[in-house]
Amino acid sequence: MAQNPDDAIAAGPRITAAQVVDYLKRHPNFLQHHPELLDSQTPPARAQGEGVVDLQQFMVDRLRRDLTRLRGLQDELVANSRDNLSTQDRIHKAILALLDAETFEHLIEIVTTDLAMLLSVDVAALCVEAATGSAPRSVEGVQVLPSGFVDGLLGVGHEVLLRDDIEGDETIFGPAAGLVRSDALIRLTVGRSAPPALLVFGTRHPGYFNAGQGTELLSFLARVIEHCLRLWLGLKA
């Protein structure tokens, strides 16, 4: 059986420069099959005479830096695409679970318990402001907020707030607040006569949510939850 030239070089004694030159002459397509080798090679400088600077090396170095940067951007793009697909799949499963709710109580249980598992976060909660002038009181499965809390936290007209490094707020997360170091807060507008509400997710990992992330999927999930709540409560949008 004929020996592969690559294997012969790898298995033989120390290779000399002359052998490398000879090998490349006999295999002129070698660098076409291994273009990554060119990135680590230093091209010869051309003599231009005293006082003349050859810019070839500077141009090659710049191209190498650009290539390294583009490869990094490509890897980041691929990683982000995979994360987005994973998040999209989780949101789809969460929505299917919401649509399967058999009672209003079951819907609340899905929002406050199942969504945490489906979305791989530590805490999920549903928060609703108390009616104006009344004191907040505990409601099974729901955190009751003081009147005006949602606008004060998100800002008037803002729908989503992502925070990357915080101490969990007991008003929002209740007894689970100690776990939370990063959270996502999404406004819920259940109906014209319903008080402001929040859908909240918390995780123990700082940086899990941050202001640079897209919020379209979380907002879509919130709209579905609004729709489900309206149906069970008989409210108008």
C-alpha atoms as a PDB file:
ATOM      1  CA  MET A   1       0.000   0.000   0.000  1.00  0.00           C
ATOM      2  CA  ALA A   2       1.380   3.413  -0.963  1.00  0.00           C
ATOM      3  CA  GLN A   3       2.360   5.557   2.028  1.00  0.00           C
ATOM      4  CA  ASN A   4       0.664   8.906   2.458  1.00  0.00           C
ATOM      5  CA  PRO A   5       3.299  11.676   2.046  1.00  0.00           C
ATOM      6  CA  ASP A   6       1.883  13.500   5.092  1.00  0.00           C
ATOM      7  CA  ASP A   7       2.331  10.363   7.232  1.00  0.00           C
ATOM      8  CA  ALA A   8       5.883   9.917   5.992  1.00  0.00           C
ATOM      9  CA  ILE A   9       6.844  13.405   7.140  1.00  0.00           C
ATOM     10  CA  ALA A  10       5.103  13.052  10.511  1.00  0.00           C
ATOM     11  CA  ALA A  11       6.727   9.662  11.257  1.00  0.00           C
ATOM     12  CA  GLY A  12      10.233  10.429  10.004  1.00  0.00           C
ATOM     13  CA  PRO A  13      13.209  12.050  11.745  1.00  0.00           C
ATOM     14  CA  ARG A  14      13.597  15.807  12.220  1.00  0.00           C
ATOM     15  CA  ILE A  15      12.482  17.628   9.094  1.00  0.00           C
ATOM     16  CA  THR A  16      14.836  20.090   7.430  1.00  0.00           C
ATOM     17  CA  ALA A  17      13.926  23.260   5.583  1.00  0.00           C
ATOM     18  CA  ALA A  18      15.071  21.644   2.338  1.00  0.00           C
ATOM     19  CA  GLN A  19      12.660  18.750   2.875  1.00  0.00           C
ATOM     20  CA  VAL A  20       9.778  21.177   3.485  1.00  0.00           C
ATOM     21  CA  VAL A  21      10.621  23.069   0.287  1.00  0.00           C
ATOM     22  CA  ASP A  22      10.883  19.826  -1.648  1.00  0.00           C
ATOM     23  CA  TYR A  23       7.568  18.572  -0.232  1.00  0.00           C
ATOM     24  CA  LEU A  24       5.751  21.765  -1.159  1.00  0.00           C
ATOM     25  CA  LYS A  25       7.191  21.644  -4.668  1.00  0.00           C
ATOM     26  CA  ARG A  26       5.909  18.097  -5.070  1.00  0.00           C
ATOM     27  CA  HIS A  27       2.514  18.991  -3.594  1.00  0.00           C
ATOM     28  CA  PRO A  28       1.640  22.428  -4.994  1.00  0.00           C
ATOM     29  CA  ASN A  29      -1.991  22.146  -3.757  1.00  0.00           C
ATOM     30  CA  PHE A  30      -1.007  21.569  -0.127  1.00  0.00           C
ATOM     31  CA  LEU A  31      -1.736  25.137   1.060  1.00  0.00           C
ATOM     32  CA  GLN A  32      -5.038  25.121  -0.783  1.00  0.00           C
ATOM     33  CA  HIS A  33      -6.111  22.241   1.445  1.00  0.00           C
ATOM     34  CA  HIS A  34      -4.616  23.843   4.589  1.00  0.00           C
ATOM     35  CA  PRO A  35      -5.160  27.619   4.190  1.00  0.00           C
ATOM     36  CA  GLU A  36      -5.119  28.148   7.974  1.00  0.00           C
ATOM     37  CA  LEU A  37      -1.327  27.636   7.903  1.00  0.00           C
ATOM     38  CA  LEU A  38      -0.914  30.923   6.068  1.00  0.00           C
ATOM     39  CA  ASP A  39      -2.288  32.814   9.064  1.00  0.00           C
ATOM     40  CA  SER A  40       0.728  31.888  11.194  1.00  0.00           C
ATOM     41  CA  GLN A  41       3.415  32.535   8.572  1.00  0.00           C
ATOM     42  CA  THR A  42       5.474  35.737   8.280  1.00  0.00           C
ATOM     43  CA  PRO A  43       5.907  36.904   4.679  1.00  0.00           C
ATOM     44  CA  PRO A  44       9.365  38.202   3.652  1.00  0.00           C
ATOM     45  CA  ALA A  45       9.927  41.941   3.657  1.00  0.00           C
ATOM     46  CA  ARG A  46      11.040  43.490   0.412  1.00  0.00           C
ATOM     47  CA  ALA A  47      14.203  45.550   0.401  1.00  0.00           C
ATOM     48  CA  GLN A  48      13.362  49.042  -0.859  1.00  0.00           C
ATOM     49  CA  GLY A  49      16.567  50.840  -0.100  1.00  0.00           C
ATOM     50  CA  GLU A  50      17.665  52.913   2.864  1.00  0.00           C
ATOM     51  CA  GLY A  51      14.969  55.160   4.312  1.00  0.00           C
ATOM     52  CA  VAL A  52      12.135  53.391   2.460  1.00  0.00           C
ATOM     53  CA  VAL A  53       9.528  51.557   4.543  1.00  0.00           C
ATOM     54  CA  ASP A  54       7.884  48.435   3.161  1.00  0.00           C
ATOM     55  CA  LEU A  55       4.183  48.577   4.113  1.00  0.00           C
ATOM     56  CA  GLN A  56       3.525  45.004   3.018  1.00  0.00           C
ATOM     57  CA  GLN A  57       4.033  43.570   6.511  1.00  0.00           C
ATOM     58  CA  PHE A  58       1.793  46.179   8.087  1.00  0.00           C
ATOM     59  CA  MET A  59      -0.956  45.390   5.595  1.00  0.00           C
ATOM     60  CA  VAL A  60      -0.629  41.650   6.190  1.00  0.00           C
ATOM     61  CA  ASP A  61      -0.762  42.127   9.975  1.00  0.00           C
ATOM     62  CA  ARG A  62      -3.869  44.268   9.638  1.00  0.00           C
ATOM     63  CA  LEU A  63      -5.543  41.680   7.430  1.00  0.00           C
ATOM     64  CA  ARG A  64      -4.733  38.984   9.969  1.00  0.00           C
ATOM     65  CA  ARG A  65      -6.225  41.048  12.772  1.00  0.00           C
ATOM     66  CA  ASP A  66      -9.322  41.681  10.671  1.00  0.00           C
ATOM     67  CA  LEU A  67      -9.612  37.972   9.908  1.00  0.00           C
ATOM     68  CA  THR A  68      -9.318  37.083  13.603  1.00  0.00           C
ATOM     69  CA  ARG A  69     -11.973  39.672  14.474  1.00  0.00           C
ATOM     70  CA  LEU A  70     -14.325  38.415  11.755  1.00  0.00           C
ATOM     71  CA  ARG A  71     -13.908  34.842  12.930  1.00  0.00           C
ATOM     72  CA  GLY A  72     -14.743  35.962  16.456  1.00  0.00           C
ATOM     73  CA  LEU A  73     -17.854  37.755  15.200  1.00  0.00           C
ATOM     74  CA  GLN A  74     -18.853  34.675  13.221  1.00  0.00           C
ATOM     75  CA  ASP A  75     -18.499  32.450  16.308  1.00  0.00           C
ATOM     76  CA  GLU A  76     -20.531  34.959  18.353  1.00  0.00           C
ATOM     77  CA  LEU A  77     -23.238  35.078  15.683  1.00  0.00           C
ATOM     78  CA  VAL A  78     -23.487  31.285  15.606  1.00  0.00           C
ATOM     79  CA  ALA A  79     -23.675  31.114  19.416  1.00  0.00           C
ATOM     80  CA  ASN A  80     -26.364  33.813  19.533  1.00  0.00           C
ATOM     81  CA  SER A  81     -28.371  32.039  16.834  1.00  0.00           C
ATOM     82  CA  ARG A  82     -28.275  28.796  18.821  1.00  0.00           C
ATOM     83  CA  ASP A  83     -29.331  30.619  21.996  1.00  0.00           C
ATOM     84  CA  ASN A  84     -32.206  32.306  20.158  1.00  0.00           C
ATOM     85  CA  LEU A  85     -33.428  29.002  18.756  1.00  0.00           C
ATOM     86  CA  SER A  86     -33.256  27.436  22.208  1.00  0.00           C
ATOM     87  CA  THR A  87     -35.162  30.356  23.757  1.00  0.00           C
ATOM     88  CA  GLN A  88     -37.754  30.246  20.979  1.00  0.00           C
ATOM     89  CA  ASP A  89     -38.323  26.538  21.573  1.00  0.00           C
ATOM     90  CA  ARG A  90     -38.788  27.141  25.316  1.00  0.00           C
ATOM     91  CA  ILE A  91     -41.259  29.978  24.709  1.00  0.00           C
ATOM     92  CA  HIS A  92     -43.276  27.763  22.344  1.00  0.00           C
ATOM     93  CA  LYS A  93     -43.481  25.022  24.978  1.00  0.00           C
ATOM     94  CA  ALA A  94     -44.496  27.574  27.614  1.00  0.00           C
ATOM     95  CA  ILE A  95     -47.304  28.886  25.414  1.00  0.00           C
ATOM     96  CA  LEU A  96     -48.602  25.388  24.720  1.00  0.00           C
ATOM     97  CA  ALA A  97     -48.673  24.752  28.474  1.00  0.00           C
ATOM     98  CA  LEU A  98     -50.656  27.968  29.042  1.00  0.00           C
ATOM     99  CA  LEU A  99     -53.188  27.011  26.383  1.00  0.00           C
ATOM    100  CA  ASP A 100     -53.691  23.647  28.093  1.00  0.00           C
ATOM    101  CA  ALA A 101     -54.840  25.245  31.374  1.00  0.00           C
ATOM    102  CA  GLU A 102     -58.095  23.632  32.503  1.00  0.00           C
ATOM    103  CA  THR A 103     -59.117  26.245  35.083  1.00  0.00           C
ATOM    104  CA  PHE A 104     -58.133  29.774  36.094  1.00  0.00           C
ATOM    105  CA  GLU A 105     -56.309  28.352  39.122  1.00  0.00           C
ATOM    106  CA  HIS A 106     -54.461  25.944  36.854  1.00  0.00           C
ATOM    107  CA  LEU A 107     -53.396  28.860  34.640  1.00  0.00           C
ATOM    108  CA  ILE A 108     -51.969  30.728  37.651  1.00  0.00           C
ATOM    109  CA  GLU A 109     -50.129  27.573  38.711  1.00  0.00           C
ATOM    110  CA  ILE A 110     -48.594  27.217  35.255  1.00  0.00           C
ATOM    111  CA  VAL A 111     -47.451  30.857  35.246  1.00  0.00           C
ATOM    112  CA  THR A 112     -45.971  30.803  38.755  1.00  0.00           C
ATOM    113  CA  THR A 113     -44.565  27.267  38.808  1.00  0.00           C
ATOM    114  CA  ASP A 114     -44.252  25.558  35.429  1.00  0.00           C
ATOM    115  CA  LEU A 115     -42.833  28.530  33.515  1.00  0.00           C
ATOM    116  CA  ALA A 116     -39.748  28.615  35.746  1.00  0.00           C
ATOM    117  CA  MET A 117     -38.900  25.057  34.732  1.00  0.00           C
ATOM    118  CA  LEU A 118     -39.840  25.525  31.061  1.00  0.00           C
ATOM    119  CA  LEU A 119     -37.738  28.688  30.727  1.00  0.00           C
ATOM    120  CA  SER A 120     -34.827  27.455  32.876  1.00  0.00           C
ATOM    121  CA  VAL A 121     -35.048  30.239  35.461  1.00  0.00           C
ATOM    122  CA  ASP A 122     -35.186  29.985  39.240  1.00  0.00           C
ATOM    123  CA  VAL A 123     -38.344  32.003  39.888  1.00  0.00           C
ATOM    124  CA  ALA A 124     -41.434  32.988  37.905  1.00  0.00           C
ATOM    125  CA  ALA A 125     -44.110  35.181  39.439  1.00  0.00           C
ATOM    126  CA  LEU A 126     -47.298  37.025  38.580  1.00  0.00           C
ATOM    127  CA  CYS A 127     -47.714  40.391  40.306  1.00  0.00           C
ATOM    128  CA  VAL A 128     -50.834  42.577  40.366  1.00  0.00           C
ATOM    129  CA  GLU A 129     -51.284  46.037  41.855  1.00  0.00           C
ATOM    130  CA  ALA A 130     -53.835  46.461  44.629  1.00  0.00           C
ATOM    131  CA  ALA A 131     -56.803  48.690  43.910  1.00  0.00           C
ATOM    132  CA  THR A 132     -56.183  52.360  44.590  1.00  0.00           C
ATOM    133  CA  GLY A 133     -56.631  53.183  48.265  1.00  0.00           C
ATOM    134  CA  SER A 134     -56.592  49.570  49.466  1.00  0.00           C
ATOM    135  CA  ALA A 135     -53.767  47.877  51.301  1.00  0.00           C
ATOM    136  CA  PRO A 136     -51.901  45.058  49.504  1.00  0.00           C
ATOM    137  CA  ARG A 137     -52.943  41.628  50.776  1.00  0.00           C
ATOM    138  CA  SER A 138     -51.740  38.128  49.991  1.00  0.00           C
ATOM    139  CA  VAL A 139     -53.431  36.230  47.176  1.00  0.00           C
ATOM    140  CA  GLU A 140     -52.702  32.550  46.502  1.00  0.00           C
ATOM    141  CA  GLY A 141     -50.164  32.263  43.670  1.00  0.00           C
ATOM    142  CA  VAL A 142     -49.973  36.035  43.053  1.00  0.00           C
ATOM    143  CA  GLN A 143     -47.803  38.785  44.500  1.00  0.00           C
ATOM    144  CA  VAL A 144     -49.904  41.863  45.292  1.00  0.00           C
ATOM    145  CA  LEU A 145     -48.115  45.179  44.693  1.00  0.00           C
ATOM    146  CA  PRO A 146     -48.781  48.651  46.092  1.00  0.00           C
ATOM    147  CA  SER A 147     -50.741  50.966  43.797  1.00  0.00           C
ATOM    148  CA  GLY A 148     -48.454  52.729  41.298  1.00  0.00           C
ATOM    149  CA  PHE A 149     -45.626  50.210  41.761  1.00  0.00           C
ATOM    150  CA  VAL A 150     -45.451  49.075  38.108  1.00  0.00           C
ATOM    151  CA  ASP A 151     -45.030  52.550  36.622  1.00  0.00           C
ATOM    152  CA  GLY A 152     -42.583  53.448  39.360  1.00  0.00           C
ATOM    153  CA  LEU A 153     -40.417  50.413  38.553  1.00  0.00           C
ATOM    154  CA  LEU A 154     -40.639  50.216  34.752  1.00  0.00           C
ATOM    155  CA  GLY A 155     -41.320  53.873  34.024  1.00  0.00           C
ATOM    156  CA  VAL A 156     -44.488  55.212  32.433  1.00  0.00           C
ATOM    157  CA  GLY A 157     -44.893  53.826  28.906  1.00  0.00           C
ATOM    158  CA  HIS A 158     -42.126  51.221  29.266  1.00  0.00           C
ATOM    159  CA  GLU A 159     -43.068  47.570  28.826  1.00  0.00           C
ATOM    160  CA  VAL A 160     -39.956  45.551  29.730  1.00  0.00           C
ATOM    161  CA  LEU A 161     -37.063  45.936  32.156  1.00  0.00           C
ATOM    162  CA  LEU A 162     -34.069  43.567  32.175  1.00  0.00           C
ATOM    163  CA  ARG A 163     -31.631  43.847  35.077  1.00  0.00           C
ATOM    164  CA  ASP A 164     -28.298  42.045  35.106  1.00  0.00           C
ATOM    165  CA  ASP A 165     -27.036  42.351  38.702  1.00  0.00           C
ATOM    166  CA  ILE A 166     -29.531  43.112  41.467  1.00  0.00           C
ATOM    167  CA  GLU A 167     -30.682  41.951  44.868  1.00  0.00           C
ATOM    168  CA  GLY A 168     -34.079  40.248  44.548  1.00  0.00           C
ATOM    169  CA  ASP A 169     -37.015  42.414  45.635  1.00  0.00           C
ATOM    170  CA  GLU A 170     -39.272  40.643  48.135  1.00  0.00           C
ATOM    171  CA  THR A 171     -42.209  42.785  46.981  1.00  0.00           C
ATOM    172  CA  ILE A 172     -41.924  41.107  43.565  1.00  0.00           C
ATOM    173  CA  PHE A 173     -40.526  37.663  44.296  1.00  0.00           C
ATOM    174  CA  GLY A 174     -41.793  37.052  47.812  1.00  0.00           C
ATOM    175  CA  PRO A 175     -39.877  34.410  49.822  1.00  0.00           C
ATOM    176  CA  ALA A 176     -37.790  33.502  46.746  1.00  0.00           C
ATOM    177  CA  ALA A 177     -36.228  36.987  46.538  1.00  0.00           C
ATOM    178  CA  GLY A 178     -32.995  35.786  48.152  1.00  0.00           C
ATOM    179  CA  LEU A 179     -32.267  33.626  45.103  1.00  0.00           C
ATOM    180  CA  VAL A 180     -32.543  36.395  42.547  1.00  0.00           C
ATOM    181  CA  ARG A 181     -29.502  38.208  41.124  1.00  0.00           C
ATOM    182  CA  SER A 182     -30.846  38.992  37.644  1.00  0.00           C
ATOM    183  CA  ASP A 183     -34.432  39.500  36.531  1.00  0.00           C
ATOM    184  CA  ALA A 184     -36.826  40.257  33.682  1.00  0.00           C
ATOM    185  CA  LEU A 185     -39.958  42.326  34.355  1.00  0.00           C
ATOM    186  CA  ILE A 186     -42.702  42.529  31.706  1.00  0.00           C
ATOM    187  CA  ARG A 187     -45.793  44.702  32.005  1.00  0.00           C
ATOM    188  CA  LEU A 188     -49.166  42.965  31.683  1.00  0.00           C
ATOM    189  CA  THR A 189     -52.254  44.882  30.601  1.00  0.00           C
ATOM    190  CA  VAL A 190     -55.027  42.397  31.216  1.00  0.00           C
ATOM    191  CA  GLY A 191     -58.014  44.646  30.542  1.00  0.00           C
ATOM    192  CA  ARG A 192     -59.345  48.181  30.674  1.00  0.00           C
ATOM    193  CA  SER A 193     -60.804  47.667  34.137  1.00  0.00           C
ATOM    194  CA  ALA A 194     -57.990  45.484  35.486  1.00  0.00           C
ATOM    195  CA  PRO A 195     -55.125  46.913  37.583  1.00  0.00           C
ATOM    196  CA  PRO A 196     -51.558  47.007  36.184  1.00  0.00           C
ATOM    197  CA  ALA A 197     -49.682  43.732  36.493  1.00  0.00           C
ATOM    198  CA  LEU A 198     -46.221  42.259  35.987  1.00  0.00           C
ATOM    199  CA  LEU A 199     -44.867  38.979  34.693  1.00  0.00           C
ATOM    200  CA  VAL A 200     -41.463  38.479  36.334  1.00  0.00           C
ATOM    201  CA  PHE A 201     -38.629  35.993  35.980  1.00  0.00           C
ATOM    202  CA  GLY A 202     -35.604  35.759  38.242  1.00  0.00           C
ATOM    203  CA  THR A 203     -32.380  33.781  38.186  1.00  0.00           C
ATOM    204  CA  ARG A 204     -29.495  33.301  40.575  1.00  0.00           C
ATOM    205  CA  HIS A 205     -26.964  34.017  37.812  1.00  0.00           C
ATOM    206  CA  PRO A 206     -25.858  37.680  37.467  1.00  0.00           C
ATOM    207  CA  GLY A 207     -25.885  38.791  33.831  1.00  0.00           C
ATOM    208  CA  TYR A 208     -28.447  36.192  32.744  1.00  0.00           C
ATOM    209  CA  PHE A 209     -30.756  39.039  31.742  1.00  0.00           C
ATOM    210  CA  ASN A 210     -29.261  42.282  30.480  1.00  0.00           C
ATOM    211  CA  ALA A 211     -30.281  45.451  28.662  1.00  0.00           C
ATOM    212  CA  GLY A 212     -28.613  44.337  25.414  1.00  0.00           C
ATOM    213  CA  GLN A 213     -30.887  41.326  24.931  1.00  0.00           C
ATOM    214  CA  GLY A 214     -33.863  41.222  22.609  1.00  0.00           C
ATOM    215  CA  THR A 215     -37.223  41.208  24.366  1.00  0.00           C
ATOM    216  CA  GLU A 216     -39.542  40.197  21.519  1.00  0.00           C
ATOM    217  CA  LEU A 217     -40.069  36.612  22.701  1.00  0.00           C
ATOM    218  CA  LEU A 218     -40.689  37.613  26.311  1.00  0.00           C
ATOM    219  CA  SER A 219     -43.140  40.281  25.152  1.00  0.00           C
ATOM    220  CA  PHE A 220     -44.941  37.735  22.983  1.00  0.00           C
ATOM    221  CA  LEU A 221     -45.228  35.362  25.947  1.00  0.00           C
ATOM    222  CA  ALA A 222     -46.661  38.214  28.034  1.00  0.00           C
ATOM    223  CA  ARG A 223     -49.269  38.977  25.352  1.00  0.00           C
ATOM    224  CA  VAL A 224     -50.376  35.335  25.364  1.00  0.00           C
ATOM    225  CA  ILE A 225     -50.684  35.377  29.163  1.00  0.00           C
ATOM    226  CA  GLU A 226     -52.759  38.581  28.940  1.00  0.00           C
ATOM    227  CA  HIS A 227     -55.069  36.890  26.451  1.00  0.00           C
ATOM    228  CA  CYS A 228     -55.455  33.783  28.640  1.00  0.00           C
ATOM    229  CA  LEU A 229     -56.199  35.879  31.736  1.00  0.00           C
ATOM    230  CA  ARG A 230     -58.826  37.899  29.860  1.00  0.00           C
ATOM    231  CA  LEU A 231     -60.559  34.738  28.665  1.00  0.00           C
ATOM    232  CA  TRP A 232     -60.748  33.186  32.130  1.00  0.00           C
ATOM    233  CA  LEU A 233     -61.785  36.440  33.821  1.00  0.00           C
ATOM    234  CA  GLY A 234     -64.235  37.507  31.119  1.00  0.00           C
ATOM    235  CA  LEU A 235     -62.520  40.876  30.606  1.00  0.00           C
ATOM    236  CA  LYS A 236     -62.329  43.044  27.500  1.00  0.00           C
ATOM    237  CA  ALA A 237     -58.969  44.126  26.066  1.00  0.00           C
END
